[in-house]
Amino acid sequence: SPSSDLRTMDTAALQQLKLRTGGAKLELEPLSESGNAIPIGVRLQAPAGLAIESFEVFAPDNPVPHVIKIKLGAPQTSYRFDTRIRLGISQDIWLVAKLSDGSLLGDHAPTVLTSSACFDAS
């Protein structure tokens, strides 16, 4: 599980995860004026016969890369979630979802900031 070793979830560690493709979509604007409140959308659809148990969002170049962890009360075959996150610099944002068979579903998308929001370790 990605959350078992959050301190090492840098870009290289995320790229090493065996993520299923398809069924996971991370929606965010490719360009943003400020990193203070970047809107993101998580769209998950489990493969046939499986369900989504949890998901996490990582911004590996932030001072604190683990942005969100949601554990669903009951496994779902599809899930939608919208929120805003803070980013320190332009980077790829990663979505990693855990399925009922223990496999991982994921997506990542780049965003470019014209000014930073993380001047300290927040």
PDB file of N, CA and C in Angstrom:
ATOM      1  N   SER A   1       0.841  -1.190   0.000  1.00  0.00           N
ATOM      2  CA  SER A   1       0.000   0.000   0.000  1.00  0.00           C
ATOM      3  C   SER A   1       0.873   1.236   0.000  1.00  0.00           C
ATOM      4  N   PRO A   2       0.537   2.268  -0.763  1.00  0.00           N
ATOM      5  CA  PRO A   2       1.361   3.457  -0.813  1.00  0.00           C
ATOM      6  C   PRO A   2       1.525   4.113   0.546  1.00  0.00           C
ATOM      7  N   SER A   3       0.477   4.107   1.389  1.00  0.00           N
ATOM      8  CA  SER A   3       0.544   4.836   2.644  1.00  0.00           C
ATOM      9  C   SER A   3       1.473   4.192   3.661  1.00  0.00           C
ATOM     10  N   SER A   4       1.944   2.962   3.411  1.00  0.00           N
ATOM     11  CA  SER A   4       2.824   2.315   4.363  1.00  0.00           C
ATOM     12  C   SER A   4       4.189   2.990   4.418  1.00  0.00           C
ATOM     13  N   ASP A   5       4.566   3.762   3.422  1.00  0.00           N
ATOM     14  CA  ASP A   5       5.876   4.389   3.403  1.00  0.00           C
ATOM     15  C   ASP A   5       5.791   5.789   2.803  1.00  0.00           C
ATOM     16  N   LEU A   6       5.009   6.656   3.444  1.00  0.00           N
ATOM     17  CA  LEU A   6       4.732   7.981   2.887  1.00  0.00           C
ATOM     18  C   LEU A   6       5.965   8.843   2.706  1.00  0.00           C
ATOM     19  N   ARG A   7       6.944   8.696   3.549  1.00  0.00           N
ATOM     20  CA  ARG A   7       8.122   9.559   3.469  1.00  0.00           C
ATOM     21  C   ARG A   7       8.931   9.327   2.190  1.00  0.00           C
ATOM     22  N   THR A   8       8.759   8.168   1.572  1.00  0.00           N
ATOM     23  CA  THR A   8       9.521   7.885   0.353  1.00  0.00           C
ATOM     24  C   THR A   8       8.661   7.973  -0.901  1.00  0.00           C
ATOM     25  N   MET A   9       7.478   8.527  -0.807  1.00  0.00           N
ATOM     26  CA  MET A   9       6.615   8.630  -1.983  1.00  0.00           C
ATOM     27  C   MET A   9       7.005   9.833  -2.833  1.00  0.00           C
ATOM     28  N   ASP A  10       8.229   9.765  -3.358  1.00  0.00           N
ATOM     29  CA  ASP A  10       8.647  10.774  -4.310  1.00  0.00           C
ATOM     30  C   ASP A  10       8.256  10.299  -5.711  1.00  0.00           C
ATOM     31  N   THR A  11       8.586  11.067  -6.707  1.00  0.00           N
ATOM     32  CA  THR A  11       8.188  10.720  -8.074  1.00  0.00           C
ATOM     33  C   THR A  11       8.727   9.360  -8.480  1.00  0.00           C
ATOM     34  N   ALA A  12       9.968   9.061  -8.148  1.00  0.00           N
ATOM     35  CA  ALA A  12      10.555   7.774  -8.524  1.00  0.00           C
ATOM     36  C   ALA A  12       9.794   6.614  -7.876  1.00  0.00           C
ATOM     37  N   ALA A  13       9.431   6.741  -6.603  1.00  0.00           N
ATOM     38  CA  ALA A  13       8.690   5.683  -5.905  1.00  0.00           C
ATOM     39  C   ALA A  13       7.302   5.514  -6.521  1.00  0.00           C
ATOM     40  N   LEU A  14       6.648   6.614  -6.857  1.00  0.00           N
ATOM     41  CA  LEU A  14       5.326   6.532  -7.474  1.00  0.00           C
ATOM     42  C   LEU A  14       5.397   5.859  -8.845  1.00  0.00           C
ATOM     43  N   GLN A  15       6.453   6.162  -9.602  1.00  0.00           N
ATOM     44  CA  GLN A  15       6.609   5.554 -10.927  1.00  0.00           C
ATOM     45  C   GLN A  15       6.845   4.046 -10.837  1.00  0.00           C
ATOM     46  N   GLN A  16       7.360   3.567  -9.700  1.00  0.00           N
ATOM     47  CA  GLN A  16       7.634   2.141  -9.507  1.00  0.00           C
ATOM     48  C   GLN A  16       6.385   1.343  -9.143  1.00  0.00           C
ATOM     49  N   LEU A  17       5.309   2.019  -8.702  1.00  0.00           N
ATOM     50  CA  LEU A  17       4.090   1.308  -8.340  1.00  0.00           C
ATOM     51  C   LEU A  17       3.495   0.633  -9.573  1.00  0.00           C
ATOM     52  N   LYS A  18       2.966  -0.538  -9.389  1.00  0.00           N
ATOM     53  CA  LYS A  18       2.308  -1.246 -10.493  1.00  0.00           C
ATOM     54  C   LYS A  18       0.845  -0.801 -10.536  1.00  0.00           C
ATOM     55  N   LEU A  19       0.605   0.315 -11.214  1.00  0.00           N
ATOM     56  CA  LEU A  19      -0.737   0.893 -11.281  1.00  0.00           C
ATOM     57  C   LEU A  19      -1.482   0.376 -12.500  1.00  0.00           C
ATOM     58  N   ARG A  20      -2.708  -0.088 -12.273  1.00  0.00           N
ATOM     59  CA  ARG A  20      -3.591  -0.400 -13.398  1.00  0.00           C
ATOM     60  C   ARG A  20      -3.954   0.932 -14.054  1.00  0.00           C
ATOM     61  N   THR A  21      -4.039   0.943 -15.351  1.00  0.00           N
ATOM     62  CA  THR A  21      -4.466   2.157 -16.042  1.00  0.00           C
ATOM     63  C   THR A  21      -5.907   1.962 -16.502  1.00  0.00           C
ATOM     64  N   GLY A  22      -6.588   3.020 -16.730  1.00  0.00           N
ATOM     65  CA  GLY A  22      -8.004   2.963 -17.087  1.00  0.00           C
ATOM     66  C   GLY A  22      -8.828   2.832 -15.821  1.00  0.00           C
ATOM     67  N   GLY A  23      -9.889   3.591 -15.742  1.00  0.00           N
ATOM     68  CA  GLY A  23     -10.745   3.541 -14.560  1.00  0.00           C
ATOM     69  C   GLY A  23     -10.377   4.558 -13.497  1.00  0.00           C
ATOM     70  N   ALA A  24      -9.250   5.240 -13.669  1.00  0.00           N
ATOM     71  CA  ALA A  24      -8.845   6.291 -12.729  1.00  0.00           C
ATOM     72  C   ALA A  24      -8.557   7.550 -13.534  1.00  0.00           C
ATOM     73  N   LYS A  25      -9.116   8.653 -13.106  1.00  0.00           N
ATOM     74  CA  LYS A  25      -8.891   9.931 -13.793  1.00  0.00           C
ATOM     75  C   LYS A  25      -8.699  11.020 -12.750  1.00  0.00           C
ATOM     76  N   LEU A  26      -7.598  11.723 -12.859  1.00  0.00           N
ATOM     77  CA  LEU A  26      -7.320  12.878 -12.009  1.00  0.00           C
ATOM     78  C   LEU A  26      -7.524  14.116 -12.868  1.00  0.00           C
ATOM     79  N   GLU A  27      -8.509  14.930 -12.505  1.00  0.00           N
ATOM     80  CA  GLU A  27      -8.826  16.125 -13.282  1.00  0.00           C
ATOM     81  C   GLU A  27      -8.258  17.347 -12.581  1.00  0.00           C
ATOM     82  N   LEU A  28      -7.419  18.096 -13.292  1.00  0.00           N
ATOM     83  CA  LEU A  28      -6.929  19.363 -12.779  1.00  0.00           C
ATOM     84  C   LEU A  28      -6.498  20.240 -13.947  1.00  0.00           C
ATOM     85  N   GLU A  29      -6.484  21.525 -13.693  1.00  0.00           N
ATOM     86  CA  GLU A  29      -6.093  22.479 -14.727  1.00  0.00           C
ATOM     87  C   GLU A  29      -4.593  22.351 -15.006  1.00  0.00           C
ATOM     88  N   PRO A  30      -4.184  22.374 -16.260  1.00  0.00           N
ATOM     89  CA  PRO A  30      -2.761  22.259 -16.571  1.00  0.00           C
ATOM     90  C   PRO A  30      -1.951  23.500 -16.198  1.00  0.00           C
ATOM     91  N   LEU A  31      -2.637  24.649 -16.045  1.00  0.00           N
ATOM     92  CA  LEU A  31      -1.952  25.894 -15.695  1.00  0.00           C
ATOM     93  C   LEU A  31      -2.763  26.614 -14.629  1.00  0.00           C
ATOM     94  N   SER A  32      -2.075  27.078 -13.573  1.00  0.00           N
ATOM     95  CA  SER A  32      -2.755  27.787 -12.497  1.00  0.00           C
ATOM     96  C   SER A  32      -1.918  28.984 -12.067  1.00  0.00           C
ATOM     97  N   GLU A  33      -2.608  30.090 -11.766  1.00  0.00           N
ATOM     98  CA  GLU A  33      -1.927  31.302 -11.353  1.00  0.00           C
ATOM     99  C   GLU A  33      -1.236  31.154 -10.011  1.00  0.00           C
ATOM    100  N   SER A  34      -1.884  30.462  -9.076  1.00  0.00           N
ATOM    101  CA  SER A  34      -1.352  30.323  -7.720  1.00  0.00           C
ATOM    102  C   SER A  34      -1.538  28.895  -7.249  1.00  0.00           C
ATOM    103  N   GLY A  35      -0.639  28.441  -6.377  1.00  0.00           N
ATOM    104  CA  GLY A  35      -0.752  27.106  -5.817  1.00  0.00           C
ATOM    105  C   GLY A  35      -1.579  27.057  -4.550  1.00  0.00           C
ATOM    106  N   ASN A  36      -2.240  28.167  -4.179  1.00  0.00           N
ATOM    107  CA  ASN A  36      -2.979  28.215  -2.918  1.00  0.00           C
ATOM    108  C   ASN A  36      -4.195  27.298  -2.881  1.00  0.00           C
ATOM    109  N   ALA A  37      -4.917  27.163  -3.958  1.00  0.00           N
ATOM    110  CA  ALA A  37      -6.146  26.347  -3.951  1.00  0.00           C
ATOM    111  C   ALA A  37      -6.398  25.803  -5.356  1.00  0.00           C
ATOM    112  N   ILE A  38      -5.716  24.721  -5.683  1.00  0.00           N
ATOM    113  CA  ILE A  38      -5.847  24.097  -6.997  1.00  0.00           C
ATOM    114  C   ILE A  38      -7.045  23.140  -6.972  1.00  0.00           C
ATOM    115  N   PRO A  39      -8.077  23.367  -7.785  1.00  0.00           N
ATOM    116  CA  PRO A  39      -9.194  22.423  -7.811  1.00  0.00           C
ATOM    117  C   PRO A  39      -8.780  21.117  -8.483  1.00  0.00           C
ATOM    118  N   ILE A  40      -9.125  19.991  -7.845  1.00  0.00           N
ATOM    119  CA  ILE A  40      -8.876  18.691  -8.450  1.00  0.00           C
ATOM    120  C   ILE A  40     -10.143  17.844  -8.380  1.00  0.00           C
ATOM    121  N   GLY A  41     -10.277  16.949  -9.330  1.00  0.00           N
ATOM    122  CA  GLY A  41     -11.377  15.998  -9.345  1.00  0.00           C
ATOM    123  C   GLY A  41     -10.820  14.594  -9.441  1.00  0.00           C
ATOM    124  N   VAL A  42     -11.332  13.711  -8.617  1.00  0.00           N
ATOM    125  CA  VAL A  42     -10.963  12.302  -8.641  1.00  0.00           C
ATOM    126  C   VAL A  42     -12.153  11.537  -9.201  1.00  0.00           C
ATOM    127  N   ARG A  43     -11.930  10.765 -10.244  1.00  0.00           N
ATOM    128  CA  ARG A  43     -12.975   9.949 -10.857  1.00  0.00           C
ATOM    129  C   ARG A  43     -12.468   8.512 -10.897  1.00  0.00           C
ATOM    130  N   LEU A  44     -13.146   7.616 -10.206  1.00  0.00           N
ATOM    131  CA  LEU A  44     -12.717   6.225 -10.132  1.00  0.00           C
ATOM    132  C   LEU A  44     -13.824   5.287 -10.574  1.00  0.00           C
ATOM    133  N   GLN A  45     -13.456   4.292 -11.354  1.00  0.00           N
ATOM    134  CA  GLN A  45     -14.359   3.241 -11.791  1.00  0.00           C
ATOM    135  C   GLN A  45     -13.597   1.921 -11.666  1.00  0.00           C
ATOM    136  N   ALA A  46     -14.041   1.054 -10.760  1.00  0.00           N
ATOM    137  CA  ALA A  46     -13.360  -0.225 -10.546  1.00  0.00           C
ATOM    138  C   ALA A  46     -13.587  -1.161 -11.728  1.00  0.00           C
ATOM    139  N   PRO A  47     -12.593  -1.998 -12.037  1.00  0.00           N
ATOM    140  CA  PRO A  47     -12.802  -3.023 -13.068  1.00  0.00           C
ATOM    141  C   PRO A  47     -13.905  -3.990 -12.632  1.00  0.00           C
ATOM    142  N   ALA A  48     -14.480  -4.686 -13.577  1.00  0.00           N
ATOM    143  CA  ALA A  48     -15.572  -5.631 -13.291  1.00  0.00           C
ATOM    144  C   ALA A  48     -15.157  -6.621 -12.206  1.00  0.00           C
ATOM    145  N   GLY A  49     -16.049  -6.834 -11.243  1.00  0.00           N
ATOM    146  CA  GLY A  49     -15.803  -7.783 -10.167  1.00  0.00           C
ATOM    147  C   GLY A  49     -14.996  -7.248  -9.010  1.00  0.00           C
ATOM    148  N   LEU A  50     -14.515  -6.001  -9.106  1.00  0.00           N
ATOM    149  CA  LEU A  50     -13.711  -5.402  -8.042  1.00  0.00           C
ATOM    150  C   LEU A  50     -14.391  -4.147  -7.507  1.00  0.00           C
ATOM    151  N   ALA A  51     -13.874  -3.652  -6.380  1.00  0.00           N
ATOM    152  CA  ALA A  51     -14.402  -2.430  -5.781  1.00  0.00           C
ATOM    153  C   ALA A  51     -13.242  -1.571  -5.290  1.00  0.00           C
ATOM    154  N   ILE A  52     -13.504  -0.285  -5.133  1.00  0.00           N
ATOM    155  CA  ILE A  52     -12.516   0.672  -4.632  1.00  0.00           C
ATOM    156  C   ILE A  52     -12.638   0.707  -3.113  1.00  0.00           C
ATOM    157  N   GLU A  53     -11.508   0.518  -2.420  1.00  0.00           N
ATOM    158  CA  GLU A  53     -11.503   0.555  -0.955  1.00  0.00           C
ATOM    159  C   GLU A  53     -11.012   1.888  -0.412  1.00  0.00           C
ATOM    160  N   SER A  54     -10.023   2.490  -1.084  1.00  0.00           N
ATOM    161  CA  SER A  54      -9.448   3.752  -0.613  1.00  0.00           C
ATOM    162  C   SER A  54      -8.713   4.416  -1.768  1.00  0.00           C
ATOM    163  N   PHE A  55      -8.371   5.685  -1.565  1.00  0.00           N
ATOM    164  CA  PHE A  55      -7.516   6.355  -2.543  1.00  0.00           C
ATOM    165  C   PHE A  55      -6.696   7.428  -1.854  1.00  0.00           C
ATOM    166  N   GLU A  56      -5.592   7.770  -2.496  1.00  0.00           N
ATOM    167  CA  GLU A  56      -4.683   8.788  -1.982  1.00  0.00           C
ATOM    168  C   GLU A  56      -4.250   9.689  -3.128  1.00  0.00           C
ATOM    169  N   VAL A  57      -3.930  10.931  -2.784  1.00  0.00           N
ATOM    170  CA  VAL A  57      -3.402  11.887  -3.751  1.00  0.00           C
ATOM    171  C   VAL A  57      -2.047  12.348  -3.227  1.00  0.00           C
ATOM    172  N   PHE A  58      -1.063  12.356  -4.121  1.00  0.00           N
ATOM    173  CA  PHE A  58       0.297  12.763  -3.774  1.00  0.00           C
ATOM    174  C   PHE A  58       0.745  13.915  -4.662  1.00  0.00           C
ATOM    175  N   ALA A  59       1.436  14.861  -4.055  1.00  0.00           N
ATOM    176  CA  ALA A  59       2.137  15.934  -4.761  1.00  0.00           C
ATOM    177  C   ALA A  59       3.602  15.776  -4.353  1.00  0.00           C
ATOM    178  N   PRO A  60       4.368  14.929  -5.057  1.00  0.00           N
ATOM    179  CA  PRO A  60       5.680  14.499  -4.585  1.00  0.00           C
ATOM    180  C   PRO A  60       6.715  15.605  -4.401  1.00  0.00           C
ATOM    181  N   ASP A  61       6.512  16.756  -5.027  1.00  0.00           N
ATOM    182  CA  ASP A  61       7.474  17.845  -4.869  1.00  0.00           C
ATOM    183  C   ASP A  61       7.056  18.875  -3.830  1.00  0.00           C
ATOM    184  N   ASN A  62       5.943  18.642  -3.138  1.00  0.00           N
ATOM    185  CA  ASN A  62       5.536  19.504  -2.024  1.00  0.00           C
ATOM    186  C   ASN A  62       6.375  19.173  -0.790  1.00  0.00           C
ATOM    187  N   PRO A  63       6.490  20.128   0.153  1.00  0.00           N
ATOM    188  CA  PRO A  63       7.195  19.818   1.409  1.00  0.00           C
ATOM    189  C   PRO A  63       6.566  18.619   2.132  1.00  0.00           C
ATOM    190  N   VAL A  64       5.245  18.485   2.070  1.00  0.00           N
ATOM    191  CA  VAL A  64       4.525  17.325   2.590  1.00  0.00           C
ATOM    192  C   VAL A  64       3.815  16.692   1.387  1.00  0.00           C
ATOM    193  N   PRO A  65       4.379  15.607   0.825  1.00  0.00           N
ATOM    194  CA  PRO A  65       3.850  15.075  -0.433  1.00  0.00           C
ATOM    195  C   PRO A  65       2.502  14.366  -0.331  1.00  0.00           C
ATOM    196  N   HIS A  66       2.153  13.849   0.829  1.00  0.00           N
ATOM    197  CA  HIS A  66       0.888  13.118   0.993  1.00  0.00           C
ATOM    198  C   HIS A  66      -0.221  14.135   1.206  1.00  0.00           C
ATOM    199  N   VAL A  67      -1.042  14.358   0.185  1.00  0.00           N
ATOM    200  CA  VAL A  67      -2.038  15.432   0.208  1.00  0.00           C
ATOM    201  C   VAL A  67      -3.378  14.962   0.777  1.00  0.00           C
ATOM    202  N   ILE A  68      -3.855  13.795   0.333  1.00  0.00           N
ATOM    203  CA  ILE A  68      -5.181  13.300   0.727  1.00  0.00           C
ATOM    204  C   ILE A  68      -5.124  11.791   0.887  1.00  0.00           C
ATOM    205  N   LYS A  69      -5.827  11.279   1.902  1.00  0.00           N
ATOM    206  CA  LYS A  69      -6.078   9.839   2.004  1.00  0.00           C
ATOM    207  C   LYS A  69      -7.533   9.669   2.408  1.00  0.00           C
ATOM    208  N   ILE A  70      -8.289   8.955   1.581  1.00  0.00           N
ATOM    209  CA  ILE A  70      -9.704   8.694   1.851  1.00  0.00           C
ATOM    210  C   ILE A  70      -9.904   7.184   1.891  1.00  0.00           C
ATOM    211  N   LYS A  71     -10.409   6.684   3.005  1.00  0.00           N
ATOM    212  CA  LYS A  71     -10.784   5.267   3.114  1.00  0.00           C
ATOM    213  C   LYS A  71     -12.298   5.225   3.101  1.00  0.00           C
ATOM    214  N   LEU A  72     -12.852   4.543   2.114  1.00  0.00           N
ATOM    215  CA  LEU A  72     -14.298   4.482   1.960  1.00  0.00           C
ATOM    216  C   LEU A  72     -14.901   3.568   3.026  1.00  0.00           C
ATOM    217  N   GLY A  73     -16.014   3.974   3.604  1.00  0.00           N
ATOM    218  CA  GLY A  73     -16.671   3.174   4.633  1.00  0.00           C
ATOM    219  C   GLY A  73     -17.075   1.811   4.122  1.00  0.00           C
ATOM    220  N   ALA A  74     -17.569   1.760   2.909  1.00  0.00           N
ATOM    221  CA  ALA A  74     -17.919   0.499   2.241  1.00  0.00           C
ATOM    222  C   ALA A  74     -17.318   0.563   0.843  1.00  0.00           C
ATOM    223  N   PRO A  75     -16.708  -0.519   0.373  1.00  0.00           N
ATOM    224  CA  PRO A  75     -16.129  -0.507  -0.978  1.00  0.00           C
ATOM    225  C   PRO A  75     -17.169  -0.098  -2.020  1.00  0.00           C
ATOM    226  N   GLN A  76     -16.725   0.682  -3.001  1.00  0.00           N
ATOM    227  CA  GLN A  76     -17.601   1.217  -4.050  1.00  0.00           C
ATOM    228  C   GLN A  76     -17.102   0.770  -5.427  1.00  0.00           C
ATOM    229  N   THR A  77     -18.019   0.600  -6.357  1.00  0.00           N
ATOM    230  CA  THR A  77     -17.600   0.279  -7.723  1.00  0.00           C
ATOM    231  C   THR A  77     -17.216   1.535  -8.495  1.00  0.00           C
ATOM    232  N   SER A  78     -17.756   2.687  -8.091  1.00  0.00           N
ATOM    233  CA  SER A  78     -17.341   3.959  -8.680  1.00  0.00           C
ATOM    234  C   SER A  78     -17.385   5.023  -7.599  1.00  0.00           C
ATOM    235  N   TYR A  79     -16.579   6.064  -7.791  1.00  0.00           N
ATOM    236  CA  TYR A  79     -16.503   7.112  -6.781  1.00  0.00           C
ATOM    237  C   TYR A  79     -16.046   8.395  -7.439  1.00  0.00           C
ATOM    238  N   ARG A  80     -16.617   9.508  -6.983  1.00  0.00           N
ATOM    239  CA  ARG A  80     -16.243  10.854  -7.448  1.00  0.00           C
ATOM    240  C   ARG A  80     -15.947  11.715  -6.227  1.00  0.00           C
ATOM    241  N   PHE A  81     -14.914  12.543  -6.339  1.00  0.00           N
ATOM    242  CA  PHE A  81     -14.508  13.385  -5.220  1.00  0.00           C
ATOM    243  C   PHE A  81     -13.896  14.664  -5.792  1.00  0.00           C
ATOM    244  N   ASP A  82     -14.309  15.805  -5.269  1.00  0.00           N
ATOM    245  CA  ASP A  82     -13.756  17.095  -5.696  1.00  0.00           C
ATOM    246  C   ASP A  82     -13.285  17.866  -4.476  1.00  0.00           C
ATOM    247  N   THR A  83     -12.131  18.511  -4.598  1.00  0.00           N
ATOM    248  CA  THR A  83     -11.604  19.332  -3.513  1.00  0.00           C
ATOM    249  C   THR A  83     -10.578  20.301  -4.091  1.00  0.00           C
ATOM    250  N   ARG A  84      -9.910  21.008  -3.221  1.00  0.00           N
ATOM    251  CA  ARG A  84      -8.807  21.896  -3.609  1.00  0.00           C
ATOM    252  C   ARG A  84      -7.584  21.498  -2.806  1.00  0.00           C
ATOM    253  N   ILE A  85      -6.418  21.582  -3.441  1.00  0.00           N
ATOM    254  CA  ILE A  85      -5.172  21.255  -2.757  1.00  0.00           C
ATOM    255  C   ILE A  85      -4.188  22.409  -2.902  1.00  0.00           C
ATOM    256  N   ARG A  86      -3.160  22.382  -2.072  1.00  0.00           N
ATOM    257  CA  ARG A  86      -2.105  23.383  -2.098  1.00  0.00           C
ATOM    258  C   ARG A  86      -0.860  22.795  -2.744  1.00  0.00           C
ATOM    259  N   LEU A  87      -0.229  23.557  -3.627  1.00  0.00           N
ATOM    260  CA  LEU A  87       0.990  23.098  -4.282  1.00  0.00           C
ATOM    261  C   LEU A  87       2.111  24.104  -4.090  1.00  0.00           C
ATOM    262  N   GLY A  88       3.321  23.583  -3.884  1.00  0.00           N
ATOM    263  CA  GLY A  88       4.482  24.440  -3.707  1.00  0.00           C
ATOM    264  C   GLY A  88       5.122  24.850  -5.018  1.00  0.00           C
ATOM    265  N   ILE A  89       5.161  23.919  -5.973  1.00  0.00           N
ATOM    266  CA  ILE A  89       5.781  24.185  -7.275  1.00  0.00           C
ATOM    267  C   ILE A  89       5.028  23.413  -8.357  1.00  0.00           C
ATOM    268  N   SER A  90       5.349  23.713  -9.603  1.00  0.00           N
ATOM    269  CA  SER A  90       4.799  22.956 -10.731  1.00  0.00           C
ATOM    270  C   SER A  90       5.266  21.511 -10.606  1.00  0.00           C
ATOM    271  N   GLN A  91       4.351  20.554 -10.844  1.00  0.00           N
ATOM    272  CA  GLN A  91       4.694  19.143 -10.673  1.00  0.00           C
ATOM    273  C   GLN A  91       3.579  18.251 -11.196  1.00  0.00           C
ATOM    274  N   ASP A  92       3.857  16.946 -11.248  1.00  0.00           N
ATOM    275  CA  ASP A  92       2.838  15.945 -11.540  1.00  0.00           C
ATOM    276  C   ASP A  92       2.124  15.596 -10.234  1.00  0.00           C
ATOM    277  N   ILE A  93       0.807  15.551 -10.275  1.00  0.00           N
ATOM    278  CA  ILE A  93      -0.006  15.134  -9.130  1.00  0.00           C
ATOM    279  C   ILE A  93      -0.415  13.689  -9.401  1.00  0.00           C
ATOM    280  N   TRP A  94      -0.380  12.852  -8.374  1.00  0.00           N
ATOM    281  CA  TRP A  94      -0.644  11.421  -8.517  1.00  0.00           C
ATOM    282  C   TRP A  94      -1.874  10.998  -7.736  1.00  0.00           C
ATOM    283  N   LEU A  95      -2.683  10.152  -8.347  1.00  0.00           N
ATOM    284  CA  LEU A  95      -3.838   9.517  -7.726  1.00  0.00           C
ATOM    285  C   LEU A  95      -3.556   8.023  -7.674  1.00  0.00           C
ATOM    286  N   VAL A  96      -3.680   7.430  -6.469  1.00  0.00           N
ATOM    287  CA  VAL A  96      -3.465   5.996  -6.296  1.00  0.00           C
ATOM    288  C   VAL A  96      -4.652   5.443  -5.512  1.00  0.00           C
ATOM    289  N   ALA A  97      -5.383   4.508  -6.115  1.00  0.00           N
ATOM    290  CA  ALA A  97      -6.542   3.895  -5.460  1.00  0.00           C
ATOM    291  C   ALA A  97      -6.256   2.419  -5.208  1.00  0.00           C
ATOM    292  N   LYS A  98      -6.695   1.935  -4.039  1.00  0.00           N
ATOM    293  CA  LYS A  98      -6.533   0.519  -3.697  1.00  0.00           C
ATOM    294  C   LYS A  98      -7.846  -0.194  -3.986  1.00  0.00           C
ATOM    295  N   LEU A  99      -7.738  -1.307  -4.737  1.00  0.00           N
ATOM    296  CA  LEU A  99      -8.903  -2.103  -5.089  1.00  0.00           C
ATOM    297  C   LEU A  99      -9.073  -3.277  -4.120  1.00  0.00           C
ATOM    298  N   SER A 100     -10.250  -3.890  -4.163  1.00  0.00           N
ATOM    299  CA  SER A 100     -10.586  -4.962  -3.229  1.00  0.00           C
ATOM    300  C   SER A 100      -9.680  -6.192  -3.336  1.00  0.00           C
ATOM    301  N   ASP A 101      -8.988  -6.377  -4.457  1.00  0.00           N
ATOM    302  CA  ASP A 101      -8.059  -7.505  -4.580  1.00  0.00           C
ATOM    303  C   ASP A 101      -6.632  -7.115  -4.201  1.00  0.00           C
ATOM    304  N   GLY A 102      -6.455  -5.876  -3.685  1.00  0.00           N
ATOM    305  CA  GLY A 102      -5.140  -5.408  -3.272  1.00  0.00           C
ATOM    306  C   GLY A 102      -4.351  -4.717  -4.364  1.00  0.00           C
ATOM    307  N   SER A 103      -4.821  -4.781  -5.610  1.00  0.00           N
ATOM    308  CA  SER A 103      -4.115  -4.106  -6.692  1.00  0.00           C
ATOM    309  C   SER A 103      -4.373  -2.605  -6.632  1.00  0.00           C
ATOM    310  N   LEU A 104      -3.576  -1.862  -7.381  1.00  0.00           N
ATOM    311  CA  LEU A 104      -3.653  -0.401  -7.373  1.00  0.00           C
ATOM    312  C   LEU A 104      -4.086   0.121  -8.735  1.00  0.00           C
ATOM    313  N   LEU A 105      -4.923   1.122  -8.696  1.00  0.00           N
ATOM    314  CA  LEU A 105      -5.420   1.805  -9.880  1.00  0.00           C
ATOM    315  C   LEU A 105      -4.912   3.235  -9.779  1.00  0.00           C
ATOM    316  N   GLY A 106      -4.462   3.839 -10.861  1.00  0.00           N
ATOM    317  CA  GLY A 106      -3.936   5.181 -10.697  1.00  0.00           C
ATOM    318  C   GLY A 106      -3.878   6.018 -11.958  1.00  0.00           C
ATOM    319  N   ASP A 107      -3.546   7.282 -11.726  1.00  0.00           N
ATOM    320  CA  ASP A 107      -3.403   8.258 -12.792  1.00  0.00           C
ATOM    321  C   ASP A 107      -2.494   9.368 -12.273  1.00  0.00           C
ATOM    322  N   HIS A 108      -1.906  10.112 -13.165  1.00  0.00           N
ATOM    323  CA  HIS A 108      -1.163  11.311 -12.768  1.00  0.00           C
ATOM    324  C   HIS A 108      -1.303  12.351 -13.859  1.00  0.00           C
ATOM    325  N   ALA A 109      -1.186  13.603 -13.453  1.00  0.00           N
ATOM    326  CA  ALA A 109      -1.352  14.705 -14.397  1.00  0.00           C
ATOM    327  C   ALA A 109      -0.467  15.869 -13.965  1.00  0.00           C
ATOM    328  N   PRO A 110       0.105  16.579 -14.927  1.00  0.00           N
ATOM    329  CA  PRO A 110       0.954  17.721 -14.598  1.00  0.00           C
ATOM    330  C   PRO A 110       0.143  18.999 -14.403  1.00  0.00           C
ATOM    331  N   THR A 111       0.674  19.879 -13.583  1.00  0.00           N
ATOM    332  CA  THR A 111       0.128  21.227 -13.494  1.00  0.00           C
ATOM    333  C   THR A 111       1.287  22.200 -13.344  1.00  0.00           C
ATOM    334  N   VAL A 112       1.160  23.366 -13.958  1.00  0.00           N
ATOM    335  CA  VAL A 112       2.195  24.394 -13.931  1.00  0.00           C
ATOM    336  C   VAL A 112       1.657  25.578 -13.141  1.00  0.00           C
ATOM    337  N   LEU A 113       2.456  26.028 -12.145  1.00  0.00           N
ATOM    338  CA  LEU A 113       2.076  27.187 -11.326  1.00  0.00           C
ATOM    339  C   LEU A 113       2.887  28.396 -11.744  1.00  0.00           C
ATOM    340  N   THR A 114       2.222  29.556 -11.685  1.00  0.00           N
ATOM    341  CA  THR A 114       2.955  30.783 -11.952  1.00  0.00           C
ATOM    342  C   THR A 114       3.447  31.429 -10.657  1.00  0.00           C
ATOM    343  N   SER A 115       2.914  30.994  -9.475  1.00  0.00           N
ATOM    344  CA  SER A 115       3.452  31.418  -8.173  1.00  0.00           C
ATOM    345  C   SER A 115       3.195  30.316  -7.157  1.00  0.00           C
ATOM    346  N   SER A 116       4.081  30.214  -6.167  1.00  0.00           N
ATOM    347  CA  SER A 116       4.040  29.133  -5.179  1.00  0.00           C
ATOM    348  C   SER A 116       3.131  29.444  -4.005  1.00  0.00           C
ATOM    349  N   ALA A 117       2.645  28.371  -3.329  1.00  0.00           N
ATOM    350  CA  ALA A 117       1.840  28.537  -2.130  1.00  0.00           C
ATOM    351  C   ALA A 117       2.511  27.971  -0.895  1.00  0.00           C
ATOM    352  N   CYS A 118       3.557  27.170  -1.064  1.00  0.00           N
ATOM    353  CA  CYS A 118       4.195  26.513   0.079  1.00  0.00           C
ATOM    354  C   CYS A 118       5.584  27.115   0.317  1.00  0.00           C
ATOM    355  N   PHE A 119       5.627  28.090   1.179  1.00  0.00           N
ATOM    356  CA  PHE A 119       6.907  28.727   1.497  1.00  0.00           C
ATOM    357  C   PHE A 119       7.539  28.106   2.725  1.00  0.00           C
ATOM    358  N   ASP A 120       6.775  27.293   3.432  1.00  0.00           N
ATOM    359  CA  ASP A 120       7.289  26.602   4.617  1.00  0.00           C
ATOM    360  C   ASP A 120       6.951  25.127   4.463  1.00  0.00           C
ATOM    361  N   ALA A 121       6.935  24.378   5.520  1.00  0.00           N
ATOM    362  CA  ALA A 121       6.687  22.930   5.437  1.00  0.00           C
ATOM    363  C   ALA A 121       5.224  22.578   5.559  1.00  0.00           C
ATOM    364  N   SER A 122       4.302  23.457   5.125  1.00  0.00           N
ATOM    365  CA  SER A 122       2.869  23.160   5.245  1.00  0.00           C
ATOM    366  C   SER A 122       2.351  22.498   3.992  1.00  0.00           C
TER     367      SER A 122
END
